[in-house]
Amino acid sequence: MINIRKAEDRGHANHGWLDTYHTFSFADYYDPAAMGFRSLRVINEDTVTGGNGFGKHPHRDMEIITYVLSGALEHRDSLGNGAVMKPGDVQHMTAGTGVQHSEFNHSPSEPVHLIQIWILPDKKSLKPGYEQKSFTNDLRDGRLTLVASGNPRAGALKINQDVDLFVGKLGAGDKVTHELKPNRHAWLQVAEGAVSLDGHDLKAGDGVAISDEKSLTFTGKAPSQVLLFDLN
């Protein structure tokens, strides 16, 4: 079963410094039919203007993953971490018992375009944690790269949930197949470009909930990036 959530059906807010799209209910956007998928709770696509960002704010009991598509994002948190994220970098934060963080555009003039993901953890009140890694050298056209997992391997970051998160880069005509084990589900988010998923044409911002399928095959219709979540 394939259920497509079109880009234009997402929640949207433009605050001037922040242009944001919400795949699932978030902040002032509420849709009872779009509260998440399995343990996947938030997919926000944000564009932040130069010199602006999110001031220090708290989180708890959430696995937070950030992926930068273009520009540079500066991170600071109450654990003492500080870093600048660039395209190809993946940041994971376990909010656990509580953490405060800020995210700002590192550039005073150029926008930063990013996707932030929230996943419900497998346990509450975990010890807060932070890690960041560049996957730039691993991301190649025509393949899926595992970047975060509850069962990390091949250099992926560890998250506290039974989820595999892959980043896929596709050139026009590139084809990728992903096998789903029994009782597994998937969410495909098109971050950039355009792809075809088992005959369904998808564009940037589209998301797809997938259940009761044995495999997925998607083909790049243009230079594209996708995020693929393999979930229990």
C-alpha atoms as a PDB file:
ATOM      1  CA  MET A   1       0.000   0.000   0.000  1.00  0.00           C
ATOM      2  CA  ILE A   2       1.386   3.355  -1.077  1.00  0.00           C
ATOM      3  CA  ASN A   3      -0.159   6.582   0.284  1.00  0.00           C
ATOM      4  CA  ILE A   4       1.234   9.821  -1.141  1.00  0.00           C
ATOM      5  CA  ARG A   5       1.236  13.084   0.824  1.00  0.00           C
ATOM      6  CA  LYS A   6       1.779  15.827  -1.735  1.00  0.00           C
ATOM      7  CA  ALA A   7       4.062  18.768  -1.020  1.00  0.00           C
ATOM      8  CA  GLU A   8       1.210  21.249  -1.415  1.00  0.00           C
ATOM      9  CA  ASP A   9      -0.827  19.469   1.272  1.00  0.00           C
ATOM     10  CA  ARG A  10       1.773  20.165   3.985  1.00  0.00           C
ATOM     11  CA  GLY A  11       1.402  22.857   6.604  1.00  0.00           C
ATOM     12  CA  HIS A  12       3.199  26.086   5.696  1.00  0.00           C
ATOM     13  CA  ALA A  13       4.252  29.259   7.481  1.00  0.00           C
ATOM     14  CA  ASN A  14       6.430  32.129   6.313  1.00  0.00           C
ATOM     15  CA  HIS A  15       7.781  34.260   9.150  1.00  0.00           C
ATOM     16  CA  GLY A  16      10.049  36.345   6.955  1.00  0.00           C
ATOM     17  CA  TRP A  17      13.288  34.987   8.397  1.00  0.00           C
ATOM     18  CA  LEU A  18      11.899  31.423   8.278  1.00  0.00           C
ATOM     19  CA  ASP A  19       9.990  29.718   5.477  1.00  0.00           C
ATOM     20  CA  THR A  20       8.837  26.361   6.823  1.00  0.00           C
ATOM     21  CA  TYR A  21       6.813  23.372   5.622  1.00  0.00           C
ATOM     22  CA  HIS A  22       5.411  20.720   7.964  1.00  0.00           C
ATOM     23  CA  THR A  23       4.762  17.225   6.623  1.00  0.00           C
ATOM     24  CA  PHE A  24       3.021  16.364   9.914  1.00  0.00           C
ATOM     25  CA  SER A  25       1.173  18.459  12.501  1.00  0.00           C
ATOM     26  CA  PHE A  26       3.563  20.888  14.165  1.00  0.00           C
ATOM     27  CA  ALA A  27       3.338  24.182  16.103  1.00  0.00           C
ATOM     28  CA  ASP A  28       0.264  26.092  14.861  1.00  0.00           C
ATOM     29  CA  TYR A  29      -0.398  23.599  12.065  1.00  0.00           C
ATOM     30  CA  TYR A  30      -2.767  20.823  13.107  1.00  0.00           C
ATOM     31  CA  ASP A  31      -4.213  18.090  10.923  1.00  0.00           C
ATOM     32  CA  PRO A  32      -5.632  15.090  12.839  1.00  0.00           C
ATOM     33  CA  ALA A  33      -5.021  12.950   9.746  1.00  0.00           C
ATOM     34  CA  ALA A  34      -1.315  13.898   9.684  1.00  0.00           C
ATOM     35  CA  MET A  35       0.079  13.286  13.166  1.00  0.00           C
ATOM     36  CA  GLY A  36       3.070  11.234  12.031  1.00  0.00           C
ATOM     37  CA  PHE A  37       3.785   7.774  10.678  1.00  0.00           C
ATOM     38  CA  ARG A  38       4.749   4.925  13.015  1.00  0.00           C
ATOM     39  CA  SER A  39       7.522   6.367  15.265  1.00  0.00           C
ATOM     40  CA  LEU A  40       8.166   9.206  12.791  1.00  0.00           C
ATOM     41  CA  ARG A  41       6.620  12.329  14.288  1.00  0.00           C
ATOM     42  CA  VAL A  42       8.044  15.409  12.500  1.00  0.00           C
ATOM     43  CA  ILE A  43       9.510  16.217   9.088  1.00  0.00           C
ATOM     44  CA  ASN A  44      10.039  19.953   8.739  1.00  0.00           C
ATOM     45  CA  GLU A  45      11.621  21.569   5.695  1.00  0.00           C
ATOM     46  CA  ASP A  46      13.068  24.943   6.721  1.00  0.00           C
ATOM     47  CA  THR A  47      14.755  27.764   4.845  1.00  0.00           C
ATOM     48  CA  VAL A  48      16.360  30.332   7.166  1.00  0.00           C
ATOM     49  CA  THR A  49      17.621  33.695   5.918  1.00  0.00           C
ATOM     50  CA  GLY A  50      21.167  34.873   6.579  1.00  0.00           C
ATOM     51  CA  GLY A  51      22.047  35.743  10.179  1.00  0.00           C
ATOM     52  CA  ASN A  52      18.819  34.338  11.614  1.00  0.00           C
ATOM     53  CA  GLY A  53      17.803  31.159  13.388  1.00  0.00           C
ATOM     54  CA  PHE A  54      16.136  29.420  16.293  1.00  0.00           C
ATOM     55  CA  GLY A  55      17.148  30.779  19.702  1.00  0.00           C
ATOM     56  CA  LYS A  56      17.815  28.506  22.652  1.00  0.00           C
ATOM     57  CA  HIS A  57      14.788  26.318  23.374  1.00  0.00           C
ATOM     58  CA  PRO A  58      14.151  23.039  25.238  1.00  0.00           C
ATOM     59  CA  HIS A  59      13.300  19.508  24.107  1.00  0.00           C
ATOM     60  CA  ARG A  60      12.840  16.216  25.895  1.00  0.00           C
ATOM     61  CA  ASP A  61      12.029  12.586  25.041  1.00  0.00           C
ATOM     62  CA  MET A  62      12.666  12.901  21.321  1.00  0.00           C
ATOM     63  CA  GLU A  63      15.278  11.742  18.805  1.00  0.00           C
ATOM     64  CA  ILE A  64      16.082  14.780  16.634  1.00  0.00           C
ATOM     65  CA  ILE A  65      17.923  14.446  13.314  1.00  0.00           C
ATOM     66  CA  THR A  66      18.958  17.396  11.156  1.00  0.00           C
ATOM     67  CA  TYR A  67      20.135  17.212   7.538  1.00  0.00           C
ATOM     68  CA  VAL A  68      21.392  20.265   5.635  1.00  0.00           C
ATOM     69  CA  LEU A  69      20.587  20.487   1.932  1.00  0.00           C
ATOM     70  CA  SER A  70      22.386  23.772   1.210  1.00  0.00           C
ATOM     71  CA  GLY A  71      24.116  26.509   3.185  1.00  0.00           C
ATOM     72  CA  ALA A  72      25.536  26.104   6.687  1.00  0.00           C
ATOM     73  CA  LEU A  73      23.807  25.702  10.059  1.00  0.00           C
ATOM     74  CA  GLU A  74      25.443  26.532  13.401  1.00  0.00           C
ATOM     75  CA  HIS A  75      24.499  24.403  16.424  1.00  0.00           C
ATOM     76  CA  ARG A  76      24.917  25.132  20.160  1.00  0.00           C
ATOM     77  CA  ASP A  77      23.452  23.155  23.073  1.00  0.00           C
ATOM     78  CA  SER A  78      23.364  22.911  26.857  1.00  0.00           C
ATOM     79  CA  LEU A  79      25.621  19.840  26.731  1.00  0.00           C
ATOM     80  CA  GLY A  80      28.483  22.081  25.635  1.00  0.00           C
ATOM     81  CA  ASN A  81      28.445  21.053  21.979  1.00  0.00           C
ATOM     82  CA  GLY A  82      28.969  23.472  19.129  1.00  0.00           C
ATOM     83  CA  ALA A  83      29.406  22.758  15.441  1.00  0.00           C
ATOM     84  CA  VAL A  84      28.650  24.015  11.951  1.00  0.00           C
ATOM     85  CA  MET A  85      26.715  21.686   9.664  1.00  0.00           C
ATOM     86  CA  LYS A  86      27.162  21.683   5.885  1.00  0.00           C
ATOM     87  CA  PRO A  87      25.521  19.652   3.105  1.00  0.00           C
ATOM     88  CA  GLY A  88      26.150  15.960   3.614  1.00  0.00           C
ATOM     89  CA  ASP A  89      26.371  16.335   7.406  1.00  0.00           C
ATOM     90  CA  VAL A  90      23.922  14.518   9.678  1.00  0.00           C
ATOM     91  CA  GLN A  91      23.314  15.650  13.257  1.00  0.00           C
ATOM     92  CA  HIS A  92      21.572  13.508  15.876  1.00  0.00           C
ATOM     93  CA  MET A  93      20.471  14.659  19.295  1.00  0.00           C
ATOM     94  CA  THR A  94      18.837  12.553  22.008  1.00  0.00           C
ATOM     95  CA  ALA A  95      16.738  15.038  23.994  1.00  0.00           C
ATOM     96  CA  GLY A  96      15.998  12.471  26.708  1.00  0.00           C
ATOM     97  CA  THR A  97      15.591  13.978  30.170  1.00  0.00           C
ATOM     98  CA  GLY A  98      16.013  17.447  28.695  1.00  0.00           C
ATOM     99  CA  VAL A  99      18.332  19.533  26.554  1.00  0.00           C
ATOM    100  CA  GLN A 100      18.373  23.105  25.281  1.00  0.00           C
ATOM    101  CA  HIS A 101      19.789  24.019  21.910  1.00  0.00           C
ATOM    102  CA  SER A 102      19.915  26.748  19.288  1.00  0.00           C
ATOM    103  CA  GLU A 103      20.308  26.527  15.513  1.00  0.00           C
ATOM    104  CA  PHE A 104      21.391  29.566  13.501  1.00  0.00           C
ATOM    105  CA  ASN A 105      22.285  30.257   9.907  1.00  0.00           C
ATOM    106  CA  HIS A 106      26.085  30.394   9.940  1.00  0.00           C
ATOM    107  CA  SER A 107      26.120  32.826   7.018  1.00  0.00           C
ATOM    108  CA  PRO A 108      25.157  36.486   7.487  1.00  0.00           C
ATOM    109  CA  SER A 109      23.758  36.679   3.965  1.00  0.00           C
ATOM    110  CA  GLU A 110      23.114  33.293   2.307  1.00  0.00           C
ATOM    111  CA  PRO A 111      20.071  31.169   3.227  1.00  0.00           C
ATOM    112  CA  VAL A 112      20.363  27.705   4.762  1.00  0.00           C
ATOM    113  CA  HIS A 113      17.983  24.966   3.625  1.00  0.00           C
ATOM    114  CA  LEU A 114      17.512  22.002   5.944  1.00  0.00           C
ATOM    115  CA  ILE A 115      15.268  19.144   6.968  1.00  0.00           C
ATOM    116  CA  GLN A 116      14.650  18.425  10.647  1.00  0.00           C
ATOM    117  CA  ILE A 117      13.217  15.097  11.753  1.00  0.00           C
ATOM    118  CA  TRP A 118      11.748  14.043  15.088  1.00  0.00           C
ATOM    119  CA  ILE A 119      11.432  10.362  15.975  1.00  0.00           C
ATOM    120  CA  LEU A 120       9.756   9.041  19.116  1.00  0.00           C
ATOM    121  CA  PRO A 121      12.368   7.162  21.185  1.00  0.00           C
ATOM    122  CA  ASP A 122      11.976   3.559  22.302  1.00  0.00           C
ATOM    123  CA  LYS A 123      12.337   4.695  25.939  1.00  0.00           C
ATOM    124  CA  LYS A 124      11.638   7.871  27.867  1.00  0.00           C
ATOM    125  CA  SER A 125      14.029   9.719  30.185  1.00  0.00           C
ATOM    126  CA  LEU A 126      17.169   8.694  28.293  1.00  0.00           C
ATOM    127  CA  LYS A 127      20.477  10.424  28.942  1.00  0.00           C
ATOM    128  CA  PRO A 128      20.785  13.397  26.549  1.00  0.00           C
ATOM    129  CA  GLY A 129      23.349  12.972  23.809  1.00  0.00           C
ATOM    130  CA  TYR A 130      24.693  14.565  20.636  1.00  0.00           C
ATOM    131  CA  GLU A 131      26.702  13.450  17.628  1.00  0.00           C
ATOM    132  CA  GLN A 132      27.379  14.730  14.149  1.00  0.00           C
ATOM    133  CA  LYS A 133      29.054  13.182  11.141  1.00  0.00           C
ATOM    134  CA  SER A 134      29.799  14.080   7.545  1.00  0.00           C
ATOM    135  CA  PHE A 135      28.628  11.531   4.974  1.00  0.00           C
ATOM    136  CA  THR A 136      29.780  13.627   2.004  1.00  0.00           C
ATOM    137  CA  ASN A 137      32.262  11.009   0.818  1.00  0.00           C
ATOM    138  CA  ASP A 138      29.668   8.228   1.129  1.00  0.00           C
ATOM    139  CA  LEU A 139      26.834   9.864  -0.798  1.00  0.00           C
ATOM    140  CA  ARG A 140      27.026   8.787  -4.416  1.00  0.00           C
ATOM    141  CA  ASP A 141      24.511   8.812  -7.237  1.00  0.00           C
ATOM    142  CA  GLY A 142      22.479   5.647  -7.592  1.00  0.00           C
ATOM    143  CA  ARG A 143      22.766   4.291  -4.062  1.00  0.00           C
ATOM    144  CA  LEU A 144      21.259   4.494  -0.591  1.00  0.00           C
ATOM    145  CA  THR A 145      23.560   5.400   2.302  1.00  0.00           C
ATOM    146  CA  LEU A 146      22.599   4.420   5.845  1.00  0.00           C
ATOM    147  CA  VAL A 147      23.167   7.511   8.022  1.00  0.00           C
ATOM    148  CA  ALA A 148      21.290   6.715  11.274  1.00  0.00           C
ATOM    149  CA  SER A 149      19.926   3.530  12.797  1.00  0.00           C
ATOM    150  CA  GLY A 150      18.774   1.797  15.944  1.00  0.00           C
ATOM    151  CA  ASN A 151      21.174  -0.948  14.836  1.00  0.00           C
ATOM    152  CA  PRO A 152      24.061   1.130  13.487  1.00  0.00           C
ATOM    153  CA  ARG A 153      26.514  -0.330  10.998  1.00  0.00           C
ATOM    154  CA  ALA A 154      28.691   0.946   8.188  1.00  0.00           C
ATOM    155  CA  GLY A 155      29.441   4.104  10.168  1.00  0.00           C
ATOM    156  CA  ALA A 156      25.831   5.188  10.740  1.00  0.00           C
ATOM    157  CA  LEU A 157      24.877   7.254  13.788  1.00  0.00           C
ATOM    158  CA  LYS A 158      23.004   5.432  16.559  1.00  0.00           C
ATOM    159  CA  ILE A 159      19.450   6.470  17.384  1.00  0.00           C
ATOM    160  CA  ASN A 160      17.191   5.134  20.121  1.00  0.00           C
ATOM    161  CA  GLN A 161      14.479   3.599  17.984  1.00  0.00           C
ATOM    162  CA  ASP A 162      14.099   0.694  15.554  1.00  0.00           C
ATOM    163  CA  VAL A 163      14.488   2.862  12.460  1.00  0.00           C
ATOM    164  CA  ASP A 164      16.965   2.855   9.591  1.00  0.00           C
ATOM    165  CA  LEU A 165      17.387   6.234   7.898  1.00  0.00           C
ATOM    166  CA  PHE A 166      18.958   6.255   4.437  1.00  0.00           C
ATOM    167  CA  VAL A 167      19.929   9.183   2.238  1.00  0.00           C
ATOM    168  CA  GLY A 168      19.664   8.456  -1.464  1.00  0.00           C
ATOM    169  CA  LYS A 169      21.235  10.475  -4.259  1.00  0.00           C
ATOM    170  CA  LEU A 170      20.024   9.828  -7.771  1.00  0.00           C
ATOM    171  CA  GLY A 171      20.976  11.228 -11.108  1.00  0.00           C
ATOM    172  CA  ALA A 172      18.452  11.247 -13.929  1.00  0.00           C
ATOM    173  CA  GLY A 173      17.794   7.611 -14.813  1.00  0.00           C
ATOM    174  CA  ASP A 174      19.427   6.145 -11.688  1.00  0.00           C
ATOM    175  CA  LYS A 175      17.375   3.305 -10.202  1.00  0.00           C
ATOM    176  CA  VAL A 176      17.476   2.098  -6.584  1.00  0.00           C
ATOM    177  CA  THR A 177      15.632  -0.831  -4.998  1.00  0.00           C
ATOM    178  CA  HIS A 178      15.114  -1.291  -1.261  1.00  0.00           C
ATOM    179  CA  GLU A 179      13.816  -4.544   0.208  1.00  0.00           C
ATOM    180  CA  LEU A 180      11.415  -4.423   3.159  1.00  0.00           C
ATOM    181  CA  LYS A 181      11.401  -7.289   5.640  1.00  0.00           C
ATOM    182  CA  PRO A 182       8.036  -8.693   6.801  1.00  0.00           C
ATOM    183  CA  ASN A 183       6.067  -6.352   9.089  1.00  0.00           C
ATOM    184  CA  ARG A 184       8.298  -3.389   8.203  1.00  0.00           C
ATOM    185  CA  HIS A 185       7.047  -0.066   6.884  1.00  0.00           C
ATOM    186  CA  ALA A 186       8.698   2.818   5.078  1.00  0.00           C
ATOM    187  CA  TRP A 187       8.401   6.547   4.567  1.00  0.00           C
ATOM    188  CA  LEU A 188      10.020   8.162   1.531  1.00  0.00           C
ATOM    189  CA  GLN A 189      10.589  11.928   1.589  1.00  0.00           C
ATOM    190  CA  VAL A 190      11.721  13.641  -1.600  1.00  0.00           C
ATOM    191  CA  ALA A 191      14.146  16.337  -0.460  1.00  0.00           C
ATOM    192  CA  GLU A 192      15.258  17.629  -3.862  1.00  0.00           C
ATOM    193  CA  GLY A 193      14.504  16.939  -7.500  1.00  0.00           C
ATOM    194  CA  ALA A 194      11.957  14.446  -8.805  1.00  0.00           C
ATOM    195  CA  VAL A 195      11.685  10.656  -8.692  1.00  0.00           C
ATOM    196  CA  SER A 196       9.351   7.900  -9.774  1.00  0.00           C
ATOM    197  CA  LEU A 197       8.384   5.349  -7.080  1.00  0.00           C
ATOM    198  CA  ASP A 198       6.958   2.164  -8.576  1.00  0.00           C
ATOM    199  CA  GLY A 199       5.316   4.238 -11.304  1.00  0.00           C
ATOM    200  CA  HIS A 200       4.186   7.138  -9.074  1.00  0.00           C
ATOM    201  CA  ASP A 201       5.749  10.483 -10.038  1.00  0.00           C
ATOM    202  CA  LEU A 202       6.992  12.461  -7.030  1.00  0.00           C
ATOM    203  CA  LYS A 203       8.509  15.929  -6.678  1.00  0.00           C
ATOM    204  CA  ALA A 204      10.452  17.759  -3.970  1.00  0.00           C
ATOM    205  CA  GLY A 205       8.386  17.987  -0.777  1.00  0.00           C
ATOM    206  CA  ASP A 206       6.275  14.921  -1.515  1.00  0.00           C
ATOM    207  CA  GLY A 207       6.213  12.153   1.083  1.00  0.00           C
ATOM    208  CA  VAL A 208       5.011   8.572   0.819  1.00  0.00           C
ATOM    209  CA  ALA A 209       3.769   6.171   3.512  1.00  0.00           C
ATOM    210  CA  ILE A 210       4.454   2.564   2.518  1.00  0.00           C
ATOM    211  CA  SER A 211       3.066  -0.580   4.158  1.00  0.00           C
ATOM    212  CA  ASP A 212       2.544  -4.201   3.100  1.00  0.00           C
ATOM    213  CA  GLU A 213       5.119  -3.980   0.321  1.00  0.00           C
ATOM    214  CA  LYS A 214       8.070  -6.338  -0.158  1.00  0.00           C
ATOM    215  CA  SER A 215      10.276  -3.912  -2.037  1.00  0.00           C
ATOM    216  CA  LEU A 216      10.457  -0.347  -3.332  1.00  0.00           C
ATOM    217  CA  THR A 217      12.023   0.771  -6.588  1.00  0.00           C
ATOM    218  CA  PHE A 218      12.535   4.433  -7.316  1.00  0.00           C
ATOM    219  CA  THR A 219      14.135   6.122 -10.284  1.00  0.00           C
ATOM    220  CA  GLY A 220      15.592   9.602 -10.577  1.00  0.00           C
ATOM    221  CA  LYS A 221      13.798  11.790 -13.096  1.00  0.00           C
ATOM    222  CA  ALA A 222      16.299  14.588 -12.416  1.00  0.00           C
ATOM    223  CA  PRO A 223      19.239  15.030 -10.026  1.00  0.00           C
ATOM    224  CA  SER A 224      17.529  14.235  -6.708  1.00  0.00           C
ATOM    225  CA  GLN A 225      17.934  13.507  -3.014  1.00  0.00           C
ATOM    226  CA  VAL A 226      15.555  11.370  -0.979  1.00  0.00           C
ATOM    227  CA  LEU A 227      15.291  10.348   2.664  1.00  0.00           C
ATOM    228  CA  LEU A 228      14.089   6.788   3.214  1.00  0.00           C
ATOM    229  CA  PHE A 229      12.918   5.620   6.651  1.00  0.00           C
ATOM    230  CA  ASP A 230      12.630   1.866   7.237  1.00  0.00           C
ATOM    231  CA  LEU A 231      10.403   1.514  10.326  1.00  0.00           C
ATOM    232  CA  ASN A 232       8.880  -1.197  12.509  1.00  0.00           C
END
